[in-house]
Amino acid sequence: MAYQNTNGCISDSIEILDPKPLAVVASGVVHPPIVASFNDRIRPLLDCIDKLRHLNIMQEGIQLPTIVVVGDQSSGKSSVLESLAGISLPRGQGICTRVPLVMRLQNDPNITAPNLQLEYNNKSLPVDEIGIADAIILATDEIAGHGKGISNYPLTLVVKKNGVPDLTMVDLPGITRVAVQGQPEDIYEQVYDIIMKYIVPEESIILNVLSATVDFPTCESIRMSQKVDKTGERTLAVVTKADKTTEGLLEKVTADEVNIGLGYVCVRNRIGNESYEEARSDEQRLFSTHPLLSKIDKSMVSVPILAQKLVRIQASIISKCLPEIVRKINDRLAANLAELNRLPQHLTSVAEALTAFMRILSSSKDSLKKILLSGEFDEYPDDKEMHSAARIVEMLNQYSNELHSKNFEKADEFLMEEIMVLQETKGIGLPNFLPRAVFLNVLQRKVKEIAASPEDFVGKLWNYLERVVIIVLMYHCENYPQLQSSTRRAAQNLIAKKKNESVDWVREIIGMEKLTDYTCNPDYLTTYSKFMAQQHMFMEIMNDHGKCSVINLEGVGEIDVGHLRKHLDVVQQAFDLKMRMMAYWKIVLMRLVDSMALHIMFSIRNMINKEMENEIIQDLMAPHGGGIERMLDESPLVAEKRNRLKKSVKLLKESKEVVANIMDRISLYDDHESD
């Protein structure tokens, strides 16, 4: 944001000054009181910014164009402001300015005596010229305490006077690195924080007050301003005490070693009991007749020139920033109104509370249906944990893979379990006959091995569903924290019941699979027949010891069956038993997965449509729940947020009205100009 080119000239589309008084200064004639005349268009703009500052619009994060006065301790900051305002400010050793002093200078040619107002702590006190310094000291003590401590709370001085420039500036505490007696040890850090708060915003113009008696690069105020304004495009330097160190000053302000983009102005402030008129006359004489100082360009010397530059810079930055301020006010107002409207209605009756409660239940059910049953996740697009339909399918697939990975048989153990069972269950009867009890014995062994997996799965599943349900319920109850504890408790109790129901169901189906072997799925016979077609080849290897004992069996893979030749009496039955079990086991695993999926969806649907609402109502109406009347007590968090938003909306509306009135005045001015 550039306000000035390298030669110190400010580019401004608005004609703001009457050049005649300044021309008098440049010609060498003694200047009358400092007057920088605003036209009818610019004065309202400055009034607008001052009113917004008074409303404290900056607490909404909206920065205002501000001329910020910074300088090292004893650099002459207060003296510069005195010269501009024509009044006396507190002076003395150490930090004179202990709080930010907002000085509003308003030129009023219609008054004969200055009108001064001191504003702080929601008070506005009239003061006179003689007592202004003491009044500022008393106000500062009230804000920052007695002693030498500082405060970030501002003090405003309104100066209405004939002959002052129309300016608003913020004078900040002088920078000191070493704490003196009575000052806090971290005085430098405190001053640094205050200064940075004011000069960091791009809307701030930095008026850096430098003493001619020091090397500019060593000034702490220069280092601070360079941190936030490296190019110097919003920094103007005022060089005080020009009469103290005349030699080399011309070179210092023209060489510009510290990169001051808005240029330098050298001044001579009032000394001792000089009147302000005498001080201006002596200043004019100094820069006109001194053999060294007279060589400095006249556009870079005197308090009137400083006033001129500040007025032009101020008008330029206000005209640049005001449209953006209007936009930010409108955007913030719209956002706060929307947030205020999103807050829950402040309930005043049981009927209103009941209506709100039923609305919460209904919206919670709708969300859970979308998330858990329909597979929609538009309410939580970026939270994959809440894409529940997909997560449940993933969990089912993992469950299926885990089941299929069980009962893994080593190659050298092929048929050994079946042979052992056949040998241990043999009895008096026909040979080569496969008793059903043998098949059931093997089946029960296999079911027992995988029995824990379905129970583990339903436990993990309901733990996940509990997290999802509670997240959804807490979201819909967030505006009524008094409901959250009972709602959470009800959800946890309901999920615990559903988990127990699922565990009982799993144990039932596991018991059923152990009890009997049955399927009407035609795939069983098809698969069994395909497997048994390999029996002839298998038995040839068993009976012919000269053949290679390695065989590739479908459903088993490549294995060495040589170790089975010593069990020729039962190996054919064992092969038959194995093929039957392999064909049937596929059906069992498919049944465990398919029935689990159906059970899950059925349980979730019942939970959402029937059980959840009843559980929440019962818990809320129980003695520990507090009843529906609890909703009538607005939570402190919501109440505080509502009050904060109301205050913010009120402030923004007032600010919007201020800006609108100014814009209307400017429009009228434009209409008159066009006429």
Foldseek 3Di string as FASTA:
>chain_A
DFQAFQVQDGDFPDDFFDCVQVVCLQVLHQGDFQEGGGDLQLVLLLVLLVVLVVLVVCVVVQDGQAAEEAFAPPLCRQLLVCLQQQAHADDDPDWRAQEKEKEFEAADQVDDAKWKWKDFPNDIDTDHRVCPRVVVVVVQCVQQNPFRHHDHGYIYMYIYYHRHYGDIHIYAIHADDCDDPRYDRVRNVVSLVSVCVQQQDPSYAYEYRGEPVDQVVVIPSLVSNCVRCVQQSRYEYEYEPCVVDVPCPLVRQVVCPSRHRNGAAYEYGDDDPDRSSRRSSVQSCCCCPPPRNVPRDPCRYYSSSVSVSNNSSSSRSSVVCVVVSLVVLVVSLVVLVVVLVPFDDQDDDLVVLVVLVVVLLVVLLVLCCCQAPVQDDPVPVPDPLSSHPVVVVVLLVVLLVVLVVPPDDDQVCPLVVLLVLCVVPDDPDDAPDDDVVSLLVVQLVSLVRCLVSQLVSLVVVLVSVLVNSLVSSCVSCVSQVLLNVLLNVLSVVVSVVLSVVSNVVSVVVSVVSSPDQDDPDPQLVVQLVQQCVCLVVQVVCLVDVVDQQWDQGPPRGIHRCNVCSVVVRCVSVSSSSVSNCSSRVVVVSVCSSVVSVVSVNVSSVCCSPPNSVVSSQVSCPPPVNVHSCSSSDGDPVSVVSSVVSVSSSVSSVVSSVSSVVSVVSSVVVVVVVVD
